[in-house]
PDB file of N, CA and C in Angstrom:
ATOM      1  N   MET A   1      -4.550   4.295 -19.579  1.00  0.00           N
ATOM      2  CA  MET A   1      -3.679   4.021 -18.771  1.00  0.00           C
ATOM      3  C   MET A   1      -3.032   2.499 -18.200  1.00  0.00           C
ATOM      4  N   GLY A   2      -1.795   2.241 -17.755  1.00  0.00           N
ATOM      5  CA  GLY A   2      -2.146   0.711 -17.639  1.00  0.00           C
ATOM      6  C   GLY A   2      -2.095   0.853 -15.844  1.00  0.00           C
ATOM      7  N   TYR A   3      -2.186   0.102 -14.799  1.00  0.00           N
ATOM      8  CA  TYR A   3      -2.601  -0.163 -13.518  1.00  0.00           C
ATOM      9  C   TYR A   3      -0.628   0.540 -13.205  1.00  0.00           C
ATOM     10  N   LEU A   4       0.260  -0.170 -13.741  1.00  0.00           N
ATOM     11  CA  LEU A   4       1.411   0.765 -13.033  1.00  0.00           C
ATOM     12  C   LEU A   4       1.356   1.844 -13.023  1.00  0.00           C
ATOM     13  N   ARG A   5       1.501   2.526 -14.445  1.00  0.00           N
ATOM     14  CA  ARG A   5       1.704   3.702 -14.378  1.00  0.00           C
ATOM     15  C   ARG A   5       0.635   4.472 -13.919  1.00  0.00           C
ATOM     16  N   LYS A   6      -0.739   4.211 -14.001  1.00  0.00           N
ATOM     17  CA  LYS A   6      -1.221   4.925 -12.969  1.00  0.00           C
ATOM     18  C   LYS A   6      -1.235   5.229 -11.923  1.00  0.00           C
ATOM     19  N   ASN A   7      -0.864   4.196 -11.019  1.00  0.00           N
ATOM     20  CA  ASN A   7      -0.399   3.803  -9.457  1.00  0.00           C
ATOM     21  C   ASN A   7       1.100   4.157  -9.257  1.00  0.00           C
ATOM     22  N   CYS A   8       1.637   4.271  -9.817  1.00  0.00           N
ATOM     23  CA  CYS A   8       3.101   4.280  -9.910  1.00  0.00           C
ATOM     24  C   CYS A   8       3.431   5.368  -8.092  1.00  0.00           C
ATOM     25  N   PHE A   9       2.747   6.396  -7.899  1.00  0.00           N
ATOM     26  CA  PHE A   9       3.695   7.419  -6.769  1.00  0.00           C
ATOM     27  C   PHE A   9       3.089   6.204  -5.480  1.00  0.00           C
ATOM     28  N   TRP A  10       1.762   5.909  -5.842  1.00  0.00           N
ATOM     29  CA  TRP A  10       1.431   4.651  -4.713  1.00  0.00           C
ATOM     30  C   TRP A  10       2.454   3.473  -4.619  1.00  0.00           C
ATOM     31  N   ILE A  11       2.691   3.132  -5.206  1.00  0.00           N
ATOM     32  CA  ILE A  11       3.473   1.849  -5.562  1.00  0.00           C
ATOM     33  C   ILE A  11       4.945   2.353  -4.967  1.00  0.00           C
ATOM     34  N   ILE A  12       5.412   3.277  -5.093  1.00  0.00           N
ATOM     35  CA  ILE A  12       6.838   3.811  -4.344  1.00  0.00           C
ATOM     36  C   ILE A  12       6.725   4.150  -3.084  1.00  0.00           C
ATOM     37  N   ILE A  13       5.555   4.774  -2.776  1.00  0.00           N
ATOM     38  CA  ILE A  13       5.347   4.907  -1.257  1.00  0.00           C
ATOM     39  C   ILE A  13       4.850   3.743  -0.731  1.00  0.00           C
ATOM     40  N   GLY A  14       4.506   2.578  -1.040  1.00  0.00           N
ATOM     41  CA  GLY A  14       4.269   1.378  -0.770  1.00  0.00           C
ATOM     42  C   GLY A  14       5.312   0.553  -0.202  1.00  0.00           C
ATOM     43  N   VAL A  15       6.362   0.611  -1.301  1.00  0.00           N
ATOM     44  CA  VAL A  15       7.393  -0.281  -1.177  1.00  0.00           C
ATOM     45  C   VAL A  15       8.321   0.785  -0.380  1.00  0.00           C
ATOM     46  N   LEU A  16       8.550   2.106  -0.297  1.00  0.00           N
ATOM     47  CA  LEU A  16       9.425   2.611   0.887  1.00  0.00           C
ATOM     48  C   LEU A  16       8.698   2.341   2.333  1.00  0.00           C
ATOM     49  N   LEU A  17       7.542   1.895   2.488  1.00  0.00           N
ATOM     50  CA  LEU A  17       7.363   2.117   3.847  1.00  0.00           C
ATOM     51  C   LEU A  17       7.116   0.567   4.152  1.00  0.00           C
ATOM     52  N   THR A  18       6.972   0.010   2.862  1.00  0.00           N
ATOM     53  CA  THR A  18       7.134  -1.754   4.055  1.00  0.00           C
ATOM     54  C   THR A  18       9.009  -1.774   3.810  1.00  0.00           C
ATOM     55  N   ALA A  19       9.675  -1.312   3.064  1.00  0.00           N
ATOM     56  CA  ALA A  19      11.260  -1.344   3.901  1.00  0.00           C
ATOM     57  C   ALA A  19      11.417  -0.693   4.972  1.00  0.00           C
ATOM     58  N   LYS A  20      10.418   0.608   5.439  1.00  0.00           N
ATOM     59  CA  LYS A  20      11.022   0.791   6.287  1.00  0.00           C
ATOM     60  C   LYS A  20      10.298  -0.204   7.709  1.00  0.00           C
ATOM     61  N   ALA A  21       8.936  -0.670   7.555  1.00  0.00           N
ATOM     62  CA  ALA A  21       8.263  -1.537   8.380  1.00  0.00           C
ATOM     63  C   ALA A  21       9.304  -2.694   8.761  1.00  0.00           C
ATOM     64  N   VAL A  22       9.606  -3.627   7.785  1.00  0.00           N
ATOM     65  CA  VAL A  22      10.194  -4.905   7.374  1.00  0.00           C
ATOM     66  C   VAL A  22      11.678  -4.469   8.767  1.00  0.00           C
ATOM     67  N   GLN A  23      11.897  -3.266   8.348  1.00  0.00           N
ATOM     68  CA  GLN A  23      13.989  -2.826   9.259  1.00  0.00           C
ATOM     69  C   GLN A  23      13.282  -2.620  10.747  1.00  0.00           C
ATOM     70  N   TYR A  24      12.157  -2.183  10.927  1.00  0.00           N
ATOM     71  CA  TYR A  24      11.712  -1.845  11.876  1.00  0.00           C
ATOM     72  C   TYR A  24      11.438  -2.905  12.992  1.00  0.00           C
ATOM     73  N   ALA A  25      10.386  -3.985  12.272  1.00  0.00           N
ATOM     74  CA  ALA A  25      10.269  -5.320  12.527  1.00  0.00           C
ATOM     75  C   ALA A  25      10.932  -6.194  13.119  1.00  0.00           C
ATOM     76  N   TYR A  26      11.994  -6.049  12.416  1.00  0.00           N
ATOM     77  CA  TYR A  26      13.733  -7.137  12.426  1.00  0.00           C
ATOM     78  C   TYR A  26      14.291  -6.463  13.631  1.00  0.00           C
ATOM     79  N   GLU A  27      14.425  -4.636  14.036  1.00  0.00           N
ATOM     80  CA  GLU A  27      14.646  -4.241  14.843  1.00  0.00           C
ATOM     81  C   GLU A  27      14.533  -4.624  16.189  1.00  0.00           C
ATOM     82  N   ILE A  28      13.385  -4.882  16.433  1.00  0.00           N
ATOM     83  CA  ILE A  28      12.383  -5.214  17.333  1.00  0.00           C
ATOM     84  C   ILE A  28      12.372  -6.293  17.589  1.00  0.00           C
ATOM     85  N   ARG A  29      12.035  -7.445  17.336  1.00  0.00           N
ATOM     86  CA  ARG A  29      12.387  -8.376  17.178  1.00  0.00           C
ATOM     87  C   ARG A  29      13.660  -9.485  17.155  1.00  0.00           C
ATOM     88  N   GLY A  30      14.624  -8.760  16.746  1.00  0.00           N
ATOM     89  CA  GLY A  30      16.043  -9.622  16.960  1.00  0.00           C
ATOM     90  C   GLY A  30      16.269 -10.599  15.477  1.00  0.00           C
ATOM     91  N   TYR A  31      15.282 -10.983  14.714  1.00  0.00           N
ATOM     92  CA  TYR A  31      15.694 -11.703  13.808  1.00  0.00           C
ATOM     93  C   TYR A  31      14.683 -11.487  12.935  1.00  0.00           C
ATOM     94  N   MET A  32      14.922 -12.274  11.810  1.00  0.00           N
ATOM     95  CA  MET A  32      14.003 -11.597  10.591  1.00  0.00           C
ATOM     96  C   MET A  32      12.755 -12.890  10.069  1.00  0.00           C
ATOM     97  N   ALA A  33      11.606 -12.797  10.162  1.00  0.00           N
ATOM     98  CA  ALA A  33      10.548 -13.154   9.981  1.00  0.00           C
ATOM     99  C   ALA A  33       9.203 -12.384   9.423  1.00  0.00           C
ATOM    100  N   TYR A  34       8.422 -13.194   8.889  1.00  0.00           N
ATOM    101  CA  TYR A  34       7.123 -12.669   8.138  1.00  0.00           C
ATOM    102  C   TYR A  34       6.422 -12.542   8.628  1.00  0.00           C
ATOM    103  N   GLY A  35       6.085 -11.321   8.526  1.00  0.00           N
ATOM    104  CA  GLY A  35       4.510 -10.465   9.236  1.00  0.00           C
ATOM    105  C   GLY A  35       3.604 -10.170   8.513  1.00  0.00           C
ATOM    106  N   GLY A  36       2.981  -8.868   9.527  1.00  0.00           N
ATOM    107  CA  GLY A  36       2.002  -8.163   8.754  1.00  0.00           C
ATOM    108  C   GLY A  36       2.685  -6.614   7.937  1.00  0.00           C
ATOM    109  N   GLU A  37       3.954  -6.610   8.582  1.00  0.00           N
ATOM    110  CA  GLU A  37       4.640  -5.568   7.836  1.00  0.00           C
ATOM    111  C   GLU A  37       4.525  -5.715   6.673  1.00  0.00           C
ATOM    112  N   TRP A  38       4.901  -7.077   5.866  1.00  0.00           N
ATOM    113  CA  TRP A  38       4.587  -7.130   4.786  1.00  0.00           C
ATOM    114  C   TRP A  38       3.436  -6.672   3.636  1.00  0.00           C
ATOM    115  N   MET A  39       2.289  -6.426   4.933  1.00  0.00           N
ATOM    116  CA  MET A  39       0.931  -5.868   4.232  1.00  0.00           C
ATOM    117  C   MET A  39       1.090  -4.903   4.044  1.00  0.00           C
ATOM    118  N   VAL A  40       1.581  -4.008   4.088  1.00  0.00           N
ATOM    119  CA  VAL A  40       1.714  -2.427   3.816  1.00  0.00           C
ATOM    120  C   VAL A  40       1.535  -2.175   2.613  1.00  0.00           C
ATOM    121  N   LEU A  41       2.237  -2.675   1.527  1.00  0.00           N
ATOM    122  CA  LEU A  41       2.256  -2.428   0.107  1.00  0.00           C
ATOM    123  C   LEU A  41       0.386  -2.800  -0.147  1.00  0.00           C
ATOM    124  N   PRO A  42       0.108  -3.806  -0.408  1.00  0.00           N
ATOM    125  CA  PRO A  42      -0.991  -4.271  -0.731  1.00  0.00           C
ATOM    126  C   PRO A  42      -2.104  -3.790  -0.294  1.00  0.00           C
ATOM    127  N   PHE A  43      -1.992  -2.883   1.241  1.00  0.00           N
ATOM    128  CA  PHE A  43      -3.052  -2.352   1.743  1.00  0.00           C
ATOM    129  C   PHE A  43      -3.158  -1.311   1.621  1.00  0.00           C
ATOM    130  N   ILE A  44      -2.363  -0.556   0.816  1.00  0.00           N
ATOM    131  CA  ILE A  44      -2.181   0.717   0.513  1.00  0.00           C
ATOM    132  C   ILE A  44      -3.010   0.721  -0.641  1.00  0.00           C
ATOM    133  N   LEU A  45      -2.376  -0.199  -1.449  1.00  0.00           N
ATOM    134  CA  LEU A  45      -2.900  -0.200  -3.280  1.00  0.00           C
ATOM    135  C   LEU A  45      -4.877  -0.792  -2.796  1.00  0.00           C
ATOM    136  N   GLN A  46      -4.789  -1.327  -1.575  1.00  0.00           N
ATOM    137  CA  GLN A  46      -6.421  -1.734  -1.590  1.00  0.00           C
ATOM    138  C   GLN A  46      -6.981  -0.221  -1.122  1.00  0.00           C
ATOM    139  N   MET A  47      -6.673   0.589  -0.614  1.00  0.00           N
ATOM    140  CA  MET A  47      -6.725   1.870  -0.258  1.00  0.00           C
ATOM    141  C   MET A  47      -7.205   3.135  -1.186  1.00  0.00           C
ATOM    142  N   VAL A  48      -6.547   2.665  -2.050  1.00  0.00           N
ATOM    143  CA  VAL A  48      -6.538   3.862  -3.326  1.00  0.00           C
ATOM    144  C   VAL A  48      -7.226   3.155  -4.178  1.00  0.00           C
ATOM    145  N   GLU A  49      -7.729   1.717  -4.311  1.00  0.00           N
ATOM    146  CA  GLU A  49      -8.942   1.260  -4.978  1.00  0.00           C
ATOM    147  C   GLU A  49      -9.835   1.791  -4.129  1.00  0.00           C
ATOM    148  N   LEU A  50     -10.328   1.440  -2.969  1.00  0.00           N
ATOM    149  CA  LEU A  50     -11.378   1.479  -2.413  1.00  0.00           C
ATOM    150  C   LEU A  50     -12.041   3.274  -2.575  1.00  0.00           C
ATOM    151  N   ILE A  51     -10.774   4.023  -1.968  1.00  0.00           N
ATOM    152  CA  ILE A  51     -11.144   5.031  -2.897  1.00  0.00           C
ATOM    153  C   ILE A  51     -11.532   5.758  -3.659  1.00  0.00           C
ATOM    154  N   GLY A  52     -11.161   5.332  -5.060  1.00  0.00           N
ATOM    155  CA  GLY A  52     -10.973   5.098  -6.299  1.00  0.00           C
ATOM    156  C   GLY A  52     -12.910   4.837  -6.690  1.00  0.00           C
ATOM    157  N   SER A  53     -13.092   3.462  -5.998  1.00  0.00           N
ATOM    158  CA  SER A  53     -14.183   3.640  -6.758  1.00  0.00           C
ATOM    159  C   SER A  53     -15.671   4.119  -5.836  1.00  0.00           C
ATOM    160  N   GLY A  54     -15.113   4.780  -4.512  1.00  0.00           N
ATOM    161  CA  GLY A  54     -15.511   5.034  -3.784  1.00  0.00           C
ATOM    162  C   GLY A  54     -16.392   6.528  -4.460  1.00  0.00           C
ATOM    163  N   LYS A  55     -15.069   7.659  -4.871  1.00  0.00           N
ATOM    164  CA  LYS A  55     -15.583   8.296  -5.946  1.00  0.00           C
ATOM    165  C   LYS A  55     -16.198   8.418  -7.143  1.00  0.00           C
ATOM    166  N   GLU A  56     -15.554   7.698  -7.880  1.00  0.00           N
ATOM    167  CA  GLU A  56     -17.058   7.190  -8.811  1.00  0.00           C
ATOM    168  C   GLU A  56     -18.061   7.095  -8.505  1.00  0.00           C
ATOM    169  N   ILE A  57     -18.625   6.400  -7.784  1.00  0.00           N
ATOM    170  CA  ILE A  57     -19.949   5.975  -6.650  1.00  0.00           C
ATOM    171  C   ILE A  57     -20.499   7.754  -6.492  1.00  0.00           C
ATOM    172  N   TRP A  58     -19.758   8.297  -5.581  1.00  0.00           N
ATOM    173  CA  TRP A  58     -20.160   9.270  -5.334  1.00  0.00           C
ATOM    174  C   TRP A  58     -20.247  10.678  -6.599  1.00  0.00           C
ATOM    175  N   LYS A  59     -19.659  10.571  -7.632  1.00  0.00           N
ATOM    176  CA  LYS A  59     -19.967  11.474  -8.613  1.00  0.00           C
ATOM    177  C   LYS A  59     -21.040  10.763  -9.383  1.00  0.00           C
ATOM    178  N   ARG A  60     -21.210   9.363  -9.599  1.00  0.00           N
ATOM    179  CA  ARG A  60     -22.893   8.975 -10.252  1.00  0.00           C
ATOM    180  C   ARG A  60     -23.879   9.176  -9.455  1.00  0.00           C
ATOM    181  N   GLU A  61     -23.493   9.226  -8.621  1.00  0.00           N
ATOM    182  CA  GLU A  61     -25.113   9.740  -7.320  1.00  0.00           C
ATOM    183  C   GLU A  61     -25.518  10.941  -7.585  1.00  0.00           C
ATOM    184  N   ARG A  62     -24.514  11.777  -7.909  1.00  0.00           N
ATOM    185  CA  ARG A  62     -24.783  13.641  -7.169  1.00  0.00           C
ATOM    186  C   ARG A  62     -25.010  13.574  -8.765  1.00  0.00           C
TER     187      ARG A  62
END
């Protein structure tokens, strides 16, 4: 199964949360800038991979 198909749910959640974070940061700053709010999607995908690999290790250890 492809990466996009496997993580479709998390990608959609990440895109929606990124859009909200960018909108919120824009409202707070009053101008458009690039900051940490753009890292929401990569952070979510990294956590999914980390948890998935942790589950695999845990299953192997049992």
